[in-house]
Amino acid sequence: MWQRVRTYFELEAHGTTFRREVLAGVTTFLTMSYIIVVNPAILATAGIPVGPSMVATILTAVLGTLLMGFYARRPFAIAPYMGENAFIAFTVVGMLGYSWQAALAAVFVAGVLFILLTIGRVRQWLVEAVPASLRYSFAVGIGLFLTFIGLNQTGLVALGVEGAPVRLGRLDSPEVQLSVLGFVLIIGLMLRRIHGAILLGILGTTAVAFAAGLAPAPKALISLPPSLAPVFWQLDFSPFWSVGFLAVVLTVFIMAFVDTMGTLIGVSARAGLLDAQGNLPQIERPMLADALATTFAAAVGTTTAGAYMESATGIEAGGRTGFTALVTAALFVLALFFAPLIGAIPPQAYGPALVVVGLLMVSPITRIPFDDLTELVPAFATVALMSFTFNIGVGMTIGFVLYPFCKLVAGRRRDIRPGLWLLCGLSLVFYVFYPYH
């Protein structure tokens, strides 16, 4: 049996082992497990019940990650996206006044469109039109994005005031000092070339947090999951006849499209899964996995899902095949019953891991041609706006707009592939309809 599994996932061809893949899957799960608690908390502001929302979050992660593991055979985990959930909760429902049922209907339609475009190989055609310099900038931008999230979660970087949006956190705080300890622990283990350094760092920091009383230990280890009934298939398609709501659907679609594209390419670049031309072989498979996950997510009561940036932590731990994803999916299944324990892991434990992964993901910057402004300007804008707008989609779309602009001005129209013109047009539409609130 194990030999069949080894052959199916091509472990030898990827230079990995079962032990390394398991460690990678556990690492990925721990660094993204916060979504189990955070996603329902954000969607609760839109009126979605917390308990059922948690179950929907976990089920979406299980289905999507299983598809990624078995079908796409990639070491990526899938779960509801951060950013898209906030857009639905605070903008679509909170500011525009639509019901959460209507918002989920918009996500469902976007998922169906993803499926059709993927089956028709349109998404693959568009991805292949993205120039290499932008692909590498996605990895760098996501790395800095993860770094900022990690620094903020650990408290090392805090929100500032107008004119100085960020500032140094309270280094005299025990929680921040614990985060520094976590970072030093992970780096020390990596320097000693110990496999599973990130995972061991997370677990060690969590243990210190519990022992020092800096984070509350879980009151219970096991709990039965709440019923999914209050959110299952609660879709309201009635607003679809309004122009304003079509703009919401379009925004959800484009945000999810560029986020999944950027994450797949960026994380694959770090994993060494891209070919000589900078393409991800059989990219339609992971794309179909995230398209099906998004459609399923809306049906069971949560928002847009796709490949997670935190998959990079598992890749850094050695994960290279779909078996990593299967391990992560199995842990999400257990999380249905161990949610109190998973939710007890403090941000001071997984925040340093995100900083370390961000550090490791910036290496593709050396492959961006700094001596060619037509390549450098779009790549720089992508990296900068991903980080400074706290939005991966904004960074990617500005790259899609600036690349053809720079090439046209430089008289190098032939460098622009046909698919990039469509991406440029979609990006312009994104900025026209984006809700600036």
Protein backbone atom coordinates (compact mmCIF):
# COMPACT_ATOMS: atom_id res chain seq x y z
CA MET A 1 0.00 0.00 0.00
CA TRP A 2 2.67 2.50 1.04
CA GLN A 3 4.64 1.73 -2.09
CA ARG A 4 1.57 2.61 -4.18
CA VAL A 5 1.20 5.87 -2.27
CA ARG A 6 4.91 6.59 -2.73
CA THR A 7 4.59 5.94 -6.47
CA TYR A 8 1.38 7.96 -6.89
CA PHE A 9 2.84 11.06 -5.27
CA GLU A 10 6.29 10.50 -6.85
CA LEU A 11 8.14 11.04 -3.58
CA GLU A 12 11.48 9.85 -4.95
CA ALA A 13 11.23 12.07 -8.01
CA HIS A 14 10.73 15.09 -5.74
CA GLY A 15 13.55 14.08 -3.39
CA THR A 16 11.33 13.81 -0.32
CA THR A 17 10.18 11.22 2.23
CA PHE A 18 6.99 10.36 4.11
CA ARG A 19 8.46 11.76 7.32
CA ARG A 20 9.34 15.06 5.67
CA GLU A 21 5.92 15.31 4.01
CA VAL A 22 4.14 14.68 7.32
CA LEU A 23 6.21 17.33 9.07
CA ALA A 24 5.44 19.72 6.23
CA GLY A 25 1.71 19.02 6.42
CA VAL A 26 1.63 19.59 10.17
CA THR A 27 3.63 22.80 9.78
CA THR A 28 1.28 24.15 7.12
CA PHE A 29 -1.72 23.33 9.28
CA LEU A 30 -0.39 25.02 12.39
CA THR A 31 0.55 28.22 10.56
CA MET A 32 -2.86 28.53 8.92
CA SER A 33 -5.02 27.08 11.70
CA TYR A 34 -5.83 30.60 12.86
CA ILE A 35 -8.38 30.71 10.02
CA ILE A 36 -10.58 28.33 12.03
CA VAL A 37 -11.10 31.06 14.60
CA VAL A 38 -10.46 34.26 12.66
CA ASN A 39 -12.70 33.61 9.63
CA PRO A 40 -15.89 33.03 11.68
CA ALA A 41 -15.05 36.06 13.84
CA ILE A 42 -14.84 38.32 10.78
CA LEU A 43 -17.96 36.89 9.13
CA ALA A 44 -19.87 37.27 12.40
CA THR A 45 -19.86 41.02 11.77
CA ALA A 46 -21.96 40.27 8.69
CA GLY A 47 -24.45 38.29 10.78
CA ILE A 48 -23.21 34.77 9.93
CA PRO A 49 -23.48 32.53 13.04
CA VAL A 50 -20.03 31.77 14.49
CA GLY A 51 -20.43 28.04 15.23
CA PRO A 52 -21.81 26.99 11.84
CA SER A 53 -19.35 29.37 10.16
CA MET A 54 -16.46 27.57 11.85
CA VAL A 55 -17.72 24.23 10.57
CA ALA A 56 -18.10 25.67 7.05
CA THR A 57 -14.53 27.02 7.23
CA ILE A 58 -13.10 23.65 8.22
CA LEU A 59 -15.15 21.65 5.69
CA THR A 60 -14.05 23.98 2.90
CA ALA A 61 -10.41 23.55 3.92
CA VAL A 62 -10.83 19.77 4.02
CA LEU A 63 -12.45 19.45 0.60
CA GLY A 64 -10.16 21.94 -1.14
CA THR A 65 -6.97 20.57 0.37
CA LEU A 66 -7.96 16.98 -0.42
CA LEU A 67 -8.54 18.00 -4.03
CA MET A 68 -5.17 19.72 -4.06
CA GLY A 69 -3.51 16.61 -2.66
CA PHE A 70 -5.22 13.79 -4.55
CA TYR A 71 -6.06 15.49 -7.86
CA ALA A 72 -3.50 18.27 -8.30
CA ARG A 73 -0.81 16.46 -6.25
CA ARG A 74 0.66 19.73 -5.00
CA PRO A 75 1.79 20.59 -1.44
CA PHE A 76 -0.68 23.47 -1.16
CA ALA A 77 -3.49 23.84 1.35
CA ILE A 78 -6.80 25.53 0.55
CA ALA A 79 -9.03 27.48 2.92
CA PRO A 80 -11.24 30.61 2.90
CA TYR A 81 -9.15 33.66 2.03
CA MET A 82 -8.35 36.46 4.40
CA GLY A 83 -9.08 39.76 2.68
CA GLU A 84 -12.00 38.39 0.70
CA ASN A 85 -13.81 37.56 3.94
CA ALA A 86 -13.26 41.11 5.18
CA PHE A 87 -14.46 42.51 1.84
CA ILE A 88 -17.69 40.51 2.14
CA ALA A 89 -18.27 41.34 5.82
CA PHE A 90 -17.29 45.01 5.99
CA THR A 91 -17.96 46.26 2.46
CA VAL A 92 -20.62 44.15 0.75
CA VAL A 93 -22.72 43.65 3.89
CA GLY A 94 -21.60 46.42 6.22
CA MET A 95 -21.30 49.36 3.80
CA LEU A 96 -23.34 48.39 0.73
CA GLY A 97 -26.16 46.88 2.79
CA TYR A 98 -26.58 43.51 1.07
CA SER A 99 -27.47 40.45 3.14
CA TRP A 100 -24.83 37.84 3.85
CA GLN A 101 -26.99 35.38 1.94
CA ALA A 102 -26.72 37.59 -1.17
CA ALA A 103 -22.97 38.01 -0.62
CA LEU A 104 -22.49 34.26 -0.53
CA ALA A 105 -24.51 33.98 -3.74
CA ALA A 106 -21.97 36.32 -5.38
CA VAL A 107 -19.14 34.06 -4.19
CA PHE A 108 -20.98 31.03 -5.56
CA VAL A 109 -21.37 32.60 -9.00
CA ALA A 110 -17.70 33.58 -9.01
CA GLY A 111 -16.82 29.96 -8.22
CA VAL A 112 -18.93 28.65 -11.08
CA LEU A 113 -17.22 31.10 -13.44
CA PHE A 114 -13.85 29.85 -12.20
CA ILE A 115 -14.84 26.27 -12.95
CA LEU A 116 -15.98 27.11 -16.49
CA LEU A 117 -12.87 29.17 -17.26
CA THR A 118 -10.61 26.45 -15.87
CA ILE A 119 -12.25 23.64 -17.79
CA GLY A 120 -12.07 25.78 -20.93
CA ARG A 121 -8.34 26.31 -20.16
CA VAL A 122 -8.85 30.07 -20.28
CA ARG A 123 -7.31 30.54 -16.84
CA GLN A 124 -4.23 28.56 -17.85
CA TRP A 125 -3.91 30.67 -21.01
CA LEU A 126 -4.04 33.82 -18.91
CA VAL A 127 -1.47 32.56 -16.42
CA GLU A 128 0.94 31.64 -19.20
CA ALA A 129 0.66 35.21 -20.50
CA VAL A 130 2.13 36.58 -17.25
CA PRO A 131 5.81 37.53 -17.83
CA ALA A 132 8.52 35.91 -15.72
CA SER A 133 9.47 39.14 -13.93
CA LEU A 134 5.91 39.55 -12.64
CA ARG A 135 5.80 35.90 -11.56
CA TYR A 136 8.87 36.36 -9.42
CA SER A 137 7.52 39.64 -8.06
CA PHE A 138 4.43 37.74 -6.86
CA ALA A 139 6.66 35.52 -4.71
CA VAL A 140 8.58 38.51 -3.32
CA GLY A 141 5.40 40.50 -2.68
CA ILE A 142 3.71 37.59 -0.92
CA GLY A 143 6.86 37.12 1.17
CA LEU A 144 6.79 40.73 2.37
CA PHE A 145 3.02 40.50 2.85
CA LEU A 146 3.47 37.45 5.10
CA THR A 147 6.28 39.24 6.93
CA PHE A 148 4.07 42.22 7.71
CA ILE A 149 1.25 39.97 8.92
CA GLY A 150 3.67 38.10 11.14
CA LEU A 151 5.25 41.26 12.55
CA ASN A 152 1.82 42.68 13.31
CA GLN A 153 0.54 39.48 14.92
CA THR A 154 3.59 39.23 17.14
CA GLY A 155 3.30 42.86 18.19
CA LEU A 156 6.74 43.82 16.90
CA VAL A 157 5.06 46.22 14.50
CA ALA A 158 1.95 48.09 15.61
CA LEU A 159 -0.49 50.37 13.87
CA GLY A 160 0.51 54.01 14.16
CA VAL A 161 -1.23 57.30 13.53
CA GLU A 162 -1.96 59.45 10.50
CA GLY A 163 1.31 60.37 8.86
CA ALA A 164 3.08 57.39 10.44
CA PRO A 165 0.86 54.37 9.75
CA VAL A 166 3.10 51.84 11.52
CA ARG A 167 5.45 51.99 14.48
CA LEU A 168 7.62 49.80 16.67
CA GLY A 169 5.68 47.67 19.12
CA ARG A 170 6.20 47.45 22.87
CA LEU A 171 9.47 45.57 23.23
CA ASP A 172 8.99 45.68 26.99
CA SER A 173 5.85 43.57 26.62
CA PRO A 174 6.22 39.90 27.63
CA GLU A 175 4.09 38.88 24.62
CA VAL A 176 6.40 40.68 22.19
CA GLN A 177 9.45 39.23 23.93
CA LEU A 178 7.90 35.78 23.54
CA SER A 179 7.56 36.44 19.80
CA VAL A 180 11.23 37.39 19.58
CA LEU A 181 12.06 34.17 21.41
CA GLY A 182 9.97 32.23 18.89
CA PHE A 183 11.78 33.86 15.96
CA VAL A 184 15.22 33.20 17.48
CA LEU A 185 14.23 29.59 18.21
CA ILE A 186 13.15 28.92 14.63
CA ILE A 187 16.22 30.59 13.13
CA GLY A 188 18.50 28.71 15.55
CA LEU A 189 16.96 25.37 14.60
CA MET A 190 17.27 26.22 10.91
CA LEU A 191 20.93 27.19 11.30
CA ARG A 192 21.51 23.81 12.93
CA ARG A 193 19.78 22.23 9.90
CA ILE A 194 17.13 20.52 12.02
CA HIS A 195 14.19 19.26 9.96
CA GLY A 196 10.82 20.64 11.04
CA ALA A 197 12.40 23.78 12.52
CA ILE A 198 9.32 25.92 11.89
CA LEU A 199 6.97 23.34 13.41
CA LEU A 200 9.21 22.83 16.44
CA GLY A 201 9.43 26.59 16.87
CA ILE A 202 5.65 26.97 16.86
CA LEU A 203 5.15 24.14 19.36
CA GLY A 204 7.99 25.32 21.62
CA THR A 205 6.75 28.91 21.69
CA THR A 206 3.20 27.74 22.42
CA ALA A 207 4.45 25.62 25.33
CA VAL A 208 6.33 28.62 26.79
CA ALA A 209 3.24 30.81 26.35
CA PHE A 210 1.09 28.34 28.31
CA ALA A 211 3.70 27.81 31.02
CA ALA A 212 4.31 31.55 31.51
CA GLY A 213 0.61 32.40 31.51
CA LEU A 214 1.00 34.61 28.43
CA ALA A 215 -1.71 32.70 26.61
CA PRO A 216 -4.65 30.83 28.16
CA ALA A 217 -4.38 27.08 27.93
CA PRO A 218 -7.44 25.43 26.35
CA LYS A 219 -10.20 24.67 28.85
CA ALA A 220 -11.18 21.60 26.85
CA LEU A 221 -9.46 19.46 24.25
CA ILE A 222 -12.45 17.98 22.47
CA SER A 223 -15.85 19.39 21.51
CA LEU A 224 -18.59 18.33 19.13
CA PRO A 225 -18.96 20.56 16.04
CA PRO A 226 -22.09 22.76 15.82
CA SER A 227 -24.78 22.13 13.21
CA LEU A 228 -24.16 23.49 9.72
CA ALA A 229 -27.89 23.94 9.03
CA PRO A 230 -28.15 27.73 9.72
CA VAL A 231 -25.69 28.55 6.91
CA PHE A 232 -25.93 25.61 4.50
CA TRP A 233 -27.18 26.66 1.03
CA GLN A 234 -28.51 29.98 2.33
CA LEU A 235 -27.94 31.76 -1.00
CA ASP A 236 -30.03 34.73 -2.11
CA PHE A 237 -29.85 35.38 -5.87
CA SER A 238 -32.57 38.07 -5.93
CA PRO A 239 -30.21 41.12 -6.06
CA PHE A 240 -28.49 39.85 -9.22
CA TRP A 241 -30.67 42.00 -11.46
CA SER A 242 -29.18 45.21 -10.09
CA VAL A 243 -26.15 46.84 -11.71
CA GLY A 244 -24.65 47.60 -8.31
CA PHE A 245 -24.66 43.95 -7.30
CA LEU A 246 -23.12 42.86 -10.59
CA ALA A 247 -20.22 45.13 -9.67
CA VAL A 248 -19.91 43.19 -6.40
CA VAL A 249 -19.82 39.88 -8.28
CA LEU A 250 -17.20 41.25 -10.67
CA THR A 251 -15.03 42.52 -7.81
CA VAL A 252 -15.26 39.18 -5.95
CA PHE A 253 -14.38 37.36 -9.17
CA ILE A 254 -11.33 39.48 -10.03
CA MET A 255 -10.02 39.57 -6.44
CA ALA A 256 -10.19 35.81 -6.16
CA PHE A 257 -8.81 35.28 -9.67
CA VAL A 258 -5.67 37.32 -9.12
CA ASP A 259 -5.17 36.10 -5.53
CA THR A 260 -5.23 32.43 -6.51
CA MET A 261 -3.01 33.08 -9.53
CA GLY A 262 -0.45 35.01 -7.50
CA THR A 263 -0.42 32.54 -4.63
CA LEU A 264 -0.03 29.48 -6.87
CA ILE A 265 2.78 31.02 -8.89
CA GLY A 266 4.51 32.68 -5.95
CA VAL A 267 4.52 29.63 -3.69
CA SER A 268 5.41 27.32 -6.59
CA ALA A 269 8.39 29.53 -7.42
CA ARG A 270 9.67 29.13 -3.87
CA ALA A 271 9.08 25.34 -3.98
CA GLY A 272 11.01 24.99 -7.23
CA LEU A 273 7.94 23.61 -9.00
CA LEU A 274 8.07 26.00 -11.97
CA ASP A 275 9.61 24.80 -15.23
CA ALA A 276 12.38 26.50 -17.21
CA GLN A 277 9.87 28.96 -18.69
CA GLY A 278 8.54 29.90 -15.26
CA ASN A 279 5.28 27.96 -15.73
CA LEU A 280 3.66 25.57 -13.25
CA PRO A 281 3.11 22.27 -15.09
CA GLN A 282 -0.54 21.16 -15.14
CA ILE A 283 -1.57 24.39 -13.45
CA GLU A 284 -5.17 23.74 -14.46
CA ARG A 285 -5.36 21.07 -11.76
CA PRO A 286 -4.66 23.27 -8.71
CA MET A 287 -6.78 25.98 -10.34
CA LEU A 288 -9.73 23.60 -10.65
CA ALA A 289 -9.22 22.57 -7.04
CA ASP A 290 -9.53 26.17 -5.83
CA ALA A 291 -12.48 26.82 -8.19
CA LEU A 292 -14.39 23.84 -6.80
CA ALA A 293 -13.46 24.87 -3.25
CA THR A 294 -14.82 28.39 -3.78
CA THR A 295 -18.14 27.06 -5.10
CA PHE A 296 -18.37 24.58 -2.22
CA ALA A 297 -17.46 27.30 0.30
CA ALA A 298 -20.41 29.48 -0.68
CA ALA A 299 -22.77 26.51 -0.63
CA VAL A 300 -21.82 25.51 2.93
CA GLY A 301 -21.75 29.07 4.28
CA THR A 302 -18.38 30.77 3.94
CA THR A 303 -16.44 32.98 1.52
CA THR A 304 -13.96 32.63 -1.34
CA ALA A 305 -11.38 29.87 -0.91
CA GLY A 306 -8.08 29.14 -2.58
CA ALA A 307 -4.45 28.12 -2.18
CA TYR A 308 -2.99 29.57 1.01
CA MET A 309 0.21 31.59 1.27
CA GLU A 310 0.97 29.76 4.51
CA SER A 311 1.55 26.64 2.39
CA ALA A 312 5.00 28.14 1.99
CA THR A 313 5.78 27.15 5.59
CA GLY A 314 5.21 23.50 4.74
CA ILE A 315 7.32 23.87 1.63
CA GLU A 316 10.13 25.31 3.73
CA ALA A 317 9.75 22.26 5.99
CA GLY A 318 10.40 20.03 2.97
CA GLY A 319 6.94 19.38 1.52
CA ARG A 320 7.00 18.83 -2.24
CA THR A 321 4.05 16.57 -3.11
CA GLY A 322 0.33 16.21 -2.62
CA PHE A 323 0.94 14.01 0.42
CA THR A 324 1.74 17.18 2.36
CA ALA A 325 -1.73 18.47 1.49
CA LEU A 326 -3.35 15.19 2.58
CA VAL A 327 -1.74 15.48 6.01
CA THR A 328 -2.97 19.06 6.33
CA ALA A 329 -6.49 18.01 5.29
CA ALA A 330 -6.50 15.19 7.87
CA LEU A 331 -5.58 17.68 10.60
CA PHE A 332 -8.43 19.96 9.54
CA VAL A 333 -10.79 16.99 9.95
CA LEU A 334 -9.49 16.50 13.49
CA ALA A 335 -9.91 20.23 14.07
CA LEU A 336 -13.69 19.75 13.84
CA PHE A 337 -13.40 18.06 17.23
CA PHE A 338 -10.25 19.75 18.61
CA ALA A 339 -11.14 23.37 17.84
CA PRO A 340 -10.53 24.56 21.45
CA LEU A 341 -6.95 23.25 21.33
CA ILE A 342 -6.17 24.68 17.88
CA GLY A 343 -7.69 28.01 18.78
CA ALA A 344 -5.44 28.24 21.82
CA ILE A 345 -2.24 28.56 19.75
CA PRO A 346 -1.29 32.23 20.28
CA PRO A 347 -0.24 34.57 17.45
CA GLN A 348 3.12 34.92 19.24
CA ALA A 349 3.73 31.28 18.20
CA TYR A 350 2.77 31.29 14.52
CA GLY A 351 3.57 34.96 13.85
CA PRO A 352 7.37 34.39 13.93
CA ALA A 353 6.92 31.48 11.53
CA LEU A 354 5.28 33.80 9.01
CA VAL A 355 8.18 36.24 9.35
CA VAL A 356 10.68 33.45 8.68
CA VAL A 357 8.74 32.27 5.64
CA GLY A 358 8.55 35.84 4.35
CA LEU A 359 12.31 36.10 4.73
CA LEU A 360 12.81 32.95 2.67
CA MET A 361 10.32 33.93 -0.04
CA VAL A 362 12.10 37.13 -1.12
CA SER A 363 14.95 35.23 -2.77
CA PRO A 364 13.37 35.30 -6.29
CA ILE A 365 14.01 39.05 -6.34
CA THR A 366 17.47 38.23 -7.72
CA ARG A 367 15.79 36.85 -10.88
CA ILE A 368 14.07 40.14 -11.71
CA PRO A 369 16.11 42.07 -14.34
CA PHE A 370 17.05 45.28 -12.53
CA ASP A 371 18.77 46.63 -15.64
CA ASP A 372 15.51 46.70 -17.66
CA LEU A 373 13.07 49.36 -16.48
CA THR A 374 10.22 47.88 -18.54
CA GLU A 375 10.50 44.77 -16.34
CA LEU A 376 11.61 46.41 -13.09
CA VAL A 377 8.93 49.11 -12.80
CA PRO A 378 5.92 46.72 -12.98
CA ALA A 379 7.66 44.21 -10.69
CA PHE A 380 8.53 46.89 -8.13
CA ALA A 381 5.00 48.30 -8.19
CA THR A 382 3.59 44.81 -7.66
CA VAL A 383 5.79 44.13 -4.64
CA ALA A 384 5.29 47.58 -3.13
CA LEU A 385 1.51 47.72 -3.46
CA MET A 386 1.01 44.13 -2.29
CA SER A 387 2.74 45.13 0.93
CA PHE A 388 1.67 48.73 1.42
CA THR A 389 -2.02 48.35 0.50
CA PHE A 390 -2.28 45.05 2.44
CA ASN A 391 -3.94 43.56 -0.64
CA ILE A 392 -2.40 40.96 -2.95
CA GLY A 393 -4.98 41.68 -5.64
CA VAL A 394 -4.10 45.38 -5.80
CA GLY A 395 -0.41 44.60 -6.22
CA MET A 396 -1.00 42.08 -8.99
CA THR A 397 -3.43 44.20 -10.96
CA ILE A 398 -1.14 47.23 -10.95
CA GLY A 399 1.56 44.98 -12.40
CA PHE A 400 -0.81 43.83 -15.14
CA VAL A 401 -1.52 47.46 -16.03
CA LEU A 402 2.03 48.82 -15.84
CA TYR A 403 3.74 46.01 -17.76
CA PRO A 404 2.03 46.62 -21.13
CA PHE A 405 2.22 50.38 -20.54
CA CYS A 406 6.00 50.27 -20.06
CA LYS A 407 6.50 47.97 -23.04
CA LEU A 408 4.38 50.17 -25.32
CA VAL A 409 6.20 53.35 -24.32
CA ALA A 410 9.55 51.61 -24.88
CA GLY A 411 8.46 50.43 -28.33
CA ARG A 412 8.55 46.74 -27.35
CA ARG A 413 4.99 45.71 -28.10
CA ARG A 414 6.10 42.22 -29.14
CA ASP A 415 7.00 41.42 -25.52
CA ILE A 416 3.30 41.52 -24.60
CA ARG A 417 1.41 38.25 -24.95
CA PRO A 418 -2.27 38.44 -26.02
CA GLY A 419 -3.54 37.10 -22.70
CA LEU A 420 -1.87 39.93 -20.82
CA TRP A 421 -4.07 42.45 -22.64
CA LEU A 422 -7.12 40.70 -21.18
CA LEU A 423 -5.54 40.72 -17.71
CA CYS A 424 -4.82 44.42 -18.15
CA GLY A 425 -8.44 45.07 -19.11
CA LEU A 426 -9.76 43.08 -16.15
CA SER A 427 -7.41 44.99 -13.87
CA LEU A 428 -8.69 48.34 -15.11
CA VAL A 429 -12.25 47.13 -14.54
CA PHE A 430 -11.17 46.08 -11.04
CA TYR A 431 -10.08 49.64 -10.24
CA VAL A 432 -13.24 51.14 -11.76
CA PHE A 433 -15.60 49.03 -9.66
CA TYR A 434 -13.49 48.63 -6.54
CA PRO A 435 -15.45 49.95 -3.52
CA TYR A 436 -13.31 52.83 -2.28
CA HIS A 437 -14.67 53.19 1.25
